[in-house]
PDB file of all heavy atoms in Angstrom:
ATOM      1  N   GLN A   1      35.106 -27.060  10.389  1.00  0.00           N
ATOM      2  CA  GLN A   1      35.231 -26.678   8.950  1.00  0.00           C
ATOM      3  C   GLN A   1      33.920 -26.322   8.338  1.00  0.00           C
ATOM      4  O   GLN A   1      33.809 -25.354   7.635  1.00  0.00           O
ATOM      5  CB  GLN A   1      35.926 -27.759   8.175  1.00  0.00           C
ATOM      6  CG  GLN A   1      37.449 -27.830   8.422  1.00  0.00           C
ATOM      7  CD  GLN A   1      38.132 -28.903   7.671  1.00  0.00           C
ATOM      8  OE1 GLN A   1      37.504 -29.870   7.141  1.00  0.00           O
ATOM      9  NE2 GLN A   1      39.471 -28.993   7.750  1.00  0.00           N
ATOM     10  N   GLN A   2      32.864 -27.112   8.631  1.00  0.00           N
ATOM     11  CA  GLN A   2      31.527 -26.921   8.147  1.00  0.00           C
ATOM     12  C   GLN A   2      31.084 -25.460   8.678  1.00  0.00           C
ATOM     13  O   GLN A   2      30.460 -24.745   7.844  1.00  0.00           O
ATOM     14  CB  GLN A   2      30.579 -27.976   8.546  1.00  0.00           C
ATOM     15  CG  GLN A   2      29.168 -27.851   7.944  1.00  0.00           C
ATOM     16  CD  GLN A   2      29.299 -28.048   6.362  1.00  0.00           C
ATOM     17  OE1 GLN A   2      29.981 -28.809   5.930  1.00  0.00           O
ATOM     18  NE2 GLN A   2      28.438 -27.225   5.749  1.00  0.00           N
ATOM     19  N   GLU A   3      31.312 -25.209   9.925  1.00  0.00           N
ATOM     20  CA  GLU A   3      30.865 -23.942  10.382  1.00  0.00           C
ATOM     21  C   GLU A   3      31.625 -22.697   9.669  1.00  0.00           C
ATOM     22  O   GLU A   3      30.902 -21.641   9.327  1.00  0.00           O
ATOM     23  CB  GLU A   3      31.150 -23.747  11.987  1.00  0.00           C
ATOM     24  CG  GLU A   3      30.244 -24.674  12.810  1.00  0.00           C
ATOM     25  CD  GLU A   3      30.764 -24.782  14.131  1.00  0.00           C
ATOM     26  OE1 GLU A   3      31.662 -24.089  14.626  1.00  0.00           O
ATOM     27  OE2 GLU A   3      30.013 -25.342  14.995  1.00  0.00           O
ATOM     28  N   LYS A   4      32.859 -22.767   9.393  1.00  0.00           N
ATOM     29  CA  LYS A   4      33.532 -21.902   8.706  1.00  0.00           C
ATOM     30  C   LYS A   4      32.854 -21.635   7.218  1.00  0.00           C
ATOM     31  O   LYS A   4      32.689 -20.621   6.794  1.00  0.00           O
ATOM     32  CB  LYS A   4      35.064 -22.200   8.510  1.00  0.00           C
ATOM     33  CG  LYS A   4      35.806 -22.107   9.868  1.00  0.00           C
ATOM     34  CD  LYS A   4      37.140 -22.407   9.723  1.00  0.00           C
ATOM     35  CE  LYS A   4      38.087 -22.376  11.079  1.00  0.00           C
ATOM     36  NZ  LYS A   4      39.324 -22.822  10.912  1.00  0.00           N
ATOM     37  N   LEU A   5      32.629 -22.780   6.714  1.00  0.00           N
ATOM     38  CA  LEU A   5      32.136 -22.727   5.274  1.00  0.00           C
ATOM     39  C   LEU A   5      30.823 -22.207   5.284  1.00  0.00           C
ATOM     40  O   LEU A   5      30.391 -21.430   4.429  1.00  0.00           O
ATOM     41  CB  LEU A   5      32.094 -24.163   4.628  1.00  0.00           C
ATOM     42  CG  LEU A   5      33.472 -24.756   4.373  1.00  0.00           C
ATOM     43  CD1 LEU A   5      33.292 -26.223   3.838  1.00  0.00           C
ATOM     44  CD2 LEU A   5      34.153 -23.878   3.302  1.00  0.00           C
ATOM     45  N   ASP A   6      29.994 -22.470   6.295  1.00  0.00           N
ATOM     46  CA  ASP A   6      28.652 -21.887   6.430  1.00  0.00           C
ATOM     47  C   ASP A   6      28.669 -20.398   6.618  1.00  0.00           C
ATOM     48  O   ASP A   6      27.919 -19.591   5.975  1.00  0.00           O
ATOM     49  CB  ASP A   6      27.835 -22.440   7.612  1.00  0.00           C
ATOM     50  CG  ASP A   6      27.367 -23.864   7.378  1.00  0.00           C
ATOM     51  OD1 ASP A   6      27.383 -24.305   6.334  1.00  0.00           O
ATOM     52  OD2 ASP A   6      27.091 -24.665   8.370  1.00  0.00           O
ATOM     53  N   SER A   7      29.645 -19.891   7.396  1.00  0.00           N
ATOM     54  CA  SER A   7      29.741 -18.417   7.539  1.00  0.00           C
ATOM     55  C   SER A   7      30.216 -17.670   6.243  1.00  0.00           C
ATOM     56  O   SER A   7      29.794 -16.745   5.894  1.00  0.00           O
ATOM     57  CB  SER A   7      30.686 -18.178   8.671  1.00  0.00           C
ATOM     58  OG  SER A   7      32.026 -18.452   8.442  1.00  0.00           O
ATOM     59  N   ILE A   8      31.134 -18.445   5.568  1.00  0.00           N
ATOM     60  CA  ILE A   8      31.619 -17.770   4.323  1.00  0.00           C
ATOM     61  C   ILE A   8      30.334 -17.841   3.274  1.00  0.00           C
ATOM     62  O   ILE A   8      30.216 -16.900   2.485  1.00  0.00           O
ATOM     63  CB  ILE A   8      32.733 -18.659   3.678  1.00  0.00           C
ATOM     64  CG1 ILE A   8      34.038 -18.440   4.522  1.00  0.00           C
ATOM     65  CG2 ILE A   8      33.081 -18.375   2.192  1.00  0.00           C
ATOM     66  CD1 ILE A   8      35.129 -19.373   4.263  1.00  0.00           C
ATOM     67  N   ASN A   9      29.637 -18.877   3.285  1.00  0.00           N
ATOM     68  CA  ASN A   9      28.489 -19.024   2.394  1.00  0.00           C
ATOM     69  C   ASN A   9      27.436 -17.899   2.633  1.00  0.00           C
ATOM     70  O   ASN A   9      26.936 -17.304   1.754  1.00  0.00           O
ATOM     71  CB  ASN A   9      27.924 -20.410   2.520  1.00  0.00           C
ATOM     72  CG  ASN A   9      26.799 -20.647   1.389  1.00  0.00           C
ATOM     73  OD1 ASN A   9      26.986 -20.060   0.355  1.00  0.00           O
ATOM     74  ND2 ASN A   9      26.028 -21.569   1.576  1.00  0.00           N
ATOM     75  N   LYS A  10      27.154 -17.665   3.922  1.00  0.00           N
ATOM     76  CA  LYS A  10      26.259 -16.563   4.299  1.00  0.00           C
ATOM     77  C   LYS A  10      26.757 -15.294   3.802  1.00  0.00           C
ATOM     78  O   LYS A  10      26.070 -14.431   3.350  1.00  0.00           O
ATOM     79  CB  LYS A  10      26.034 -16.460   5.833  1.00  0.00           C
ATOM     80  CG  LYS A  10      25.144 -17.709   6.341  1.00  0.00           C
ATOM     81  CD  LYS A  10      25.038 -17.574   7.828  1.00  0.00           C
ATOM     82  CE  LYS A  10      24.214 -18.785   8.347  1.00  0.00           C
ATOM     83  NZ  LYS A  10      24.211 -18.641   9.887  1.00  0.00           N
ATOM     84  N   ALA A  11      28.041 -15.040   4.002  1.00  0.00           N
ATOM     85  CA  ALA A  11      28.712 -13.657   3.538  1.00  0.00           C
ATOM     86  C   ALA A  11      28.630 -13.568   2.017  1.00  0.00           C
ATOM     87  O   ALA A  11      28.216 -12.489   1.450  1.00  0.00           O
ATOM     88  CB  ALA A  11      30.147 -13.741   3.977  1.00  0.00           C
ATOM     89  N   LEU A  12      28.819 -14.766   1.296  1.00  0.00           N
ATOM     90  CA  LEU A  12      28.704 -14.690  -0.147  1.00  0.00           C
ATOM     91  C   LEU A  12      27.291 -14.461  -0.626  1.00  0.00           C
ATOM     92  O   LEU A  12      27.075 -13.706  -1.614  1.00  0.00           O
ATOM     93  CB  LEU A  12      29.274 -15.914  -0.758  1.00  0.00           C
ATOM     94  CG  LEU A  12      30.776 -16.164  -0.743  1.00  0.00           C
ATOM     95  CD1 LEU A  12      31.138 -17.584  -1.312  1.00  0.00           C
ATOM     96  CD2 LEU A  12      31.408 -15.064  -1.587  1.00  0.00           C
ATOM     97  N   ASP A  13      26.227 -15.036   0.138  1.00  0.00           N
ATOM     98  CA  ASP A  13      24.851 -14.894  -0.180  1.00  0.00           C
ATOM     99  C   ASP A  13      24.511 -13.395  -0.033  1.00  0.00           C
ATOM    100  O   ASP A  13      23.777 -12.816  -0.844  1.00  0.00           O
ATOM    101  CB  ASP A  13      24.064 -15.645   0.593  1.00  0.00           C
ATOM    102  CG  ASP A  13      24.023 -17.225   0.090  1.00  0.00           C
ATOM    103  OD1 ASP A  13      24.523 -17.437  -0.860  1.00  0.00           O
ATOM    104  OD2 ASP A  13      23.638 -18.137   0.936  1.00  0.00           O
ATOM    105  N   LEU A  14      24.968 -12.720   1.014  1.00  0.00           N
ATOM    106  CA  LEU A  14      24.738 -11.398   1.375  1.00  0.00           C
ATOM    107  C   LEU A  14      25.312 -10.572   0.211  1.00  0.00           C
ATOM    108  O   LEU A  14      24.631  -9.510  -0.302  1.00  0.00           O
ATOM    109  CB  LEU A  14      25.283 -10.973   2.667  1.00  0.00           C
ATOM    110  CG  LEU A  14      25.039  -9.580   3.169  1.00  0.00           C
ATOM    111  CD1 LEU A  14      23.588  -9.243   3.272  1.00  0.00           C
ATOM    112  CD2 LEU A  14      25.746  -9.328   4.422  1.00  0.00           C
ATOM    113  N   LYS A  15      26.536 -10.749  -0.093  1.00  0.00           N
ATOM    114  CA  LYS A  15      27.228  -9.963  -1.275  1.00  0.00           C
ATOM    115  C   LYS A  15      26.432 -10.110  -2.573  1.00  0.00           C
ATOM    116  O   LYS A  15      26.240  -9.127  -3.202  1.00  0.00           O
ATOM    117  CB  LYS A  15      28.650 -10.427  -1.297  1.00  0.00           C
ATOM    118  CG  LYS A  15      29.534  -9.888  -0.227  1.00  0.00           C
ATOM    119  CD  LYS A  15      30.973 -10.457  -0.523  1.00  0.00           C
ATOM    120  CE  LYS A  15      31.852  -9.945   0.684  1.00  0.00           C
ATOM    121  NZ  LYS A  15      33.312 -10.164   0.537  1.00  0.00           N
ATOM    122  N   GLU A  16      26.048 -11.367  -2.902  1.00  0.00           N
ATOM    123  CA  GLU A  16      25.288 -11.559  -3.989  1.00  0.00           C
ATOM    124  C   GLU A  16      23.909 -10.773  -4.023  1.00  0.00           C
ATOM    125  O   GLU A  16      23.526 -10.243  -5.067  1.00  0.00           O
ATOM    126  CB  GLU A  16      24.992 -13.005  -4.219  1.00  0.00           C
ATOM    127  CG  GLU A  16      24.373 -13.366  -5.522  1.00  0.00           C
ATOM    128  CD  GLU A  16      24.036 -14.923  -5.814  1.00  0.00           C
ATOM    129  OE1 GLU A  16      24.542 -15.640  -4.906  1.00  0.00           O
ATOM    130  OE2 GLU A  16      23.523 -15.218  -6.775  1.00  0.00           O
ATOM    131  N   ALA A  17      23.091 -10.853  -2.917  1.00  0.00           N
ATOM    132  CA  ALA A  17      21.954 -10.108  -2.780  1.00  0.00           C
ATOM    133  C   ALA A  17      22.205  -8.651  -2.990  1.00  0.00           C
ATOM    134  O   ALA A  17      21.474  -7.945  -3.730  1.00  0.00           O
ATOM    135  CB  ALA A  17      21.237 -10.397  -1.409  1.00  0.00           C
ATOM    136  N   ILE A  18      23.146  -7.987  -2.359  1.00  0.00           N
ATOM    137  CA  ILE A  18      23.500  -6.677  -2.637  1.00  0.00           C
ATOM    138  C   ILE A  18      23.884  -6.323  -4.024  1.00  0.00           C
ATOM    139  O   ILE A  18      23.510  -5.386  -4.523  1.00  0.00           O
ATOM    140  CB  ILE A  18      24.731  -6.219  -1.593  1.00  0.00           C
ATOM    141  CG1 ILE A  18      24.289  -6.309  -0.084  1.00  0.00           C
ATOM    142  CG2 ILE A  18      25.273  -4.824  -1.951  1.00  0.00           C
ATOM    143  CD1 ILE A  18      25.395  -6.093   0.852  1.00  0.00           C
ATOM    144  N   HIS A  19      24.617  -7.204  -4.637  1.00  0.00           N
ATOM    145  CA  HIS A  19      25.023  -7.038  -6.113  1.00  0.00           C
ATOM    146  C   HIS A  19      23.814  -7.102  -6.935  1.00  0.00           C
ATOM    147  O   HIS A  19      23.603  -6.287  -7.858  1.00  0.00           O
ATOM    148  CB  HIS A  19      25.996  -8.128  -6.499  1.00  0.00           C
ATOM    149  CG  HIS A  19      26.281  -8.046  -8.040  1.00  0.00           C
ATOM    150  ND1 HIS A  19      27.136  -7.133  -8.493  1.00  0.00           N
ATOM    151  CD2 HIS A  19      26.077  -8.902  -8.943  1.00  0.00           C
ATOM    152  CE1 HIS A  19      27.221  -7.333  -9.825  1.00  0.00           C
ATOM    153  NE2 HIS A  19      26.519  -8.394 -10.070  1.00  0.00           N
ATOM    154  N   GLN A  20      22.907  -7.925  -6.694  1.00  0.00           N
ATOM    155  CA  GLN A  20      21.618  -8.110  -7.443  1.00  0.00           C
ATOM    156  C   GLN A  20      20.812  -6.818  -7.327  1.00  0.00           C
ATOM    157  O   GLN A  20      20.131  -6.367  -8.310  1.00  0.00           O
ATOM    158  CB  GLN A  20      20.842  -9.241  -7.116  1.00  0.00           C
ATOM    159  CG  GLN A  20      21.571 -10.656  -7.503  1.00  0.00           C
ATOM    160  CD  GLN A  20      21.531 -10.779  -8.933  1.00  0.00           C
ATOM    161  OE1 GLN A  20      20.716 -10.250  -9.721  1.00  0.00           O
ATOM    162  NE2 GLN A  20      22.618 -11.447  -9.441  1.00  0.00           N
ATOM    163  N   LYS A  21      20.728  -6.310  -6.022  1.00  0.00           N
ATOM    164  CA  LYS A  21      19.908  -5.098  -5.779  1.00  0.00           C
ATOM    165  C   LYS A  21      20.645  -3.896  -6.492  1.00  0.00           C
ATOM    166  O   LYS A  21      19.851  -3.141  -7.155  1.00  0.00           O
ATOM    167  CB  LYS A  21      20.029  -4.870  -4.264  1.00  0.00           C
ATOM    168  CG  LYS A  21      19.091  -3.597  -3.891  1.00  0.00           C
ATOM    169  CD  LYS A  21      19.101  -3.349  -2.479  1.00  0.00           C
ATOM    170  CE  LYS A  21      18.472  -2.032  -2.090  1.00  0.00           C
ATOM    171  NZ  LYS A  21      18.467  -1.784  -0.605  1.00  0.00           N
ATOM    172  N   ARG A  22      21.812  -3.771  -6.481  1.00  0.00           N
ATOM    173  CA  ARG A  22      22.633  -2.643  -7.222  1.00  0.00           C
ATOM    174  C   ARG A  22      22.284  -2.751  -8.716  1.00  0.00           C
ATOM    175  O   ARG A  22      22.204  -1.794  -9.350  1.00  0.00           O
ATOM    176  CB  ARG A  22      24.008  -2.634  -6.789  1.00  0.00           C
ATOM    177  CG  ARG A  22      24.327  -2.083  -5.417  1.00  0.00           C
ATOM    178  CD  ARG A  22      25.817  -2.013  -5.094  1.00  0.00           C
ATOM    179  NE  ARG A  22      26.049  -1.662  -3.840  1.00  0.00           N
ATOM    180  CZ  ARG A  22      27.149  -1.590  -3.252  1.00  0.00           C
ATOM    181  NH1 ARG A  22      28.268  -2.090  -3.869  1.00  0.00           N
ATOM    182  NH2 ARG A  22      27.374  -1.137  -1.955  1.00  0.00           N
ATOM    183  N   LEU A  23      22.508  -3.960  -9.169  1.00  0.00           N
ATOM    184  CA  LEU A  23      22.411  -4.306 -10.618  1.00  0.00           C
ATOM    185  C   LEU A  23      20.964  -3.876 -11.091  1.00  0.00           C
ATOM    186  O   LEU A  23      20.814  -3.169 -12.129  1.00  0.00           O
ATOM    187  CB  LEU A  23      22.595  -5.763 -10.939  1.00  0.00           C
ATOM    188  CG  LEU A  23      22.554  -6.096 -12.500  1.00  0.00           C
ATOM    189  CD1 LEU A  23      23.591  -5.399 -13.257  1.00  0.00           C
ATOM    190  CD2 LEU A  23      22.648  -7.652 -12.632  1.00  0.00           C
ATOM    191  N   LYS A  24      19.928  -4.122 -10.300  1.00  0.00           N
ATOM    192  CA  LYS A  24      18.513  -3.787 -10.574  1.00  0.00           C
ATOM    193  C   LYS A  24      18.538  -2.280 -10.559  1.00  0.00           C
ATOM    194  O   LYS A  24      17.733  -1.624 -11.462  1.00  0.00           O
ATOM    195  CB  LYS A  24      17.648  -4.466  -9.557  1.00  0.00           C
ATOM    196  CG  LYS A  24      16.109  -4.117  -9.914  1.00  0.00           C
ATOM    197  CD  LYS A  24      15.314  -4.945  -8.883  1.00  0.00           C
ATOM    198  CE  LYS A  24      13.790  -4.602  -9.187  1.00  0.00           C
ATOM    199  NZ  LYS A  24      12.907  -5.144  -8.177  1.00  0.00           N
TER     200      LYS A  24
END
């Protein structure tokens, strides 16, 4: 379960980084 949560967290971090770049 921790591995699944880690992969979801990485995906969310990537989406957040892309969102911040587009916002800028």
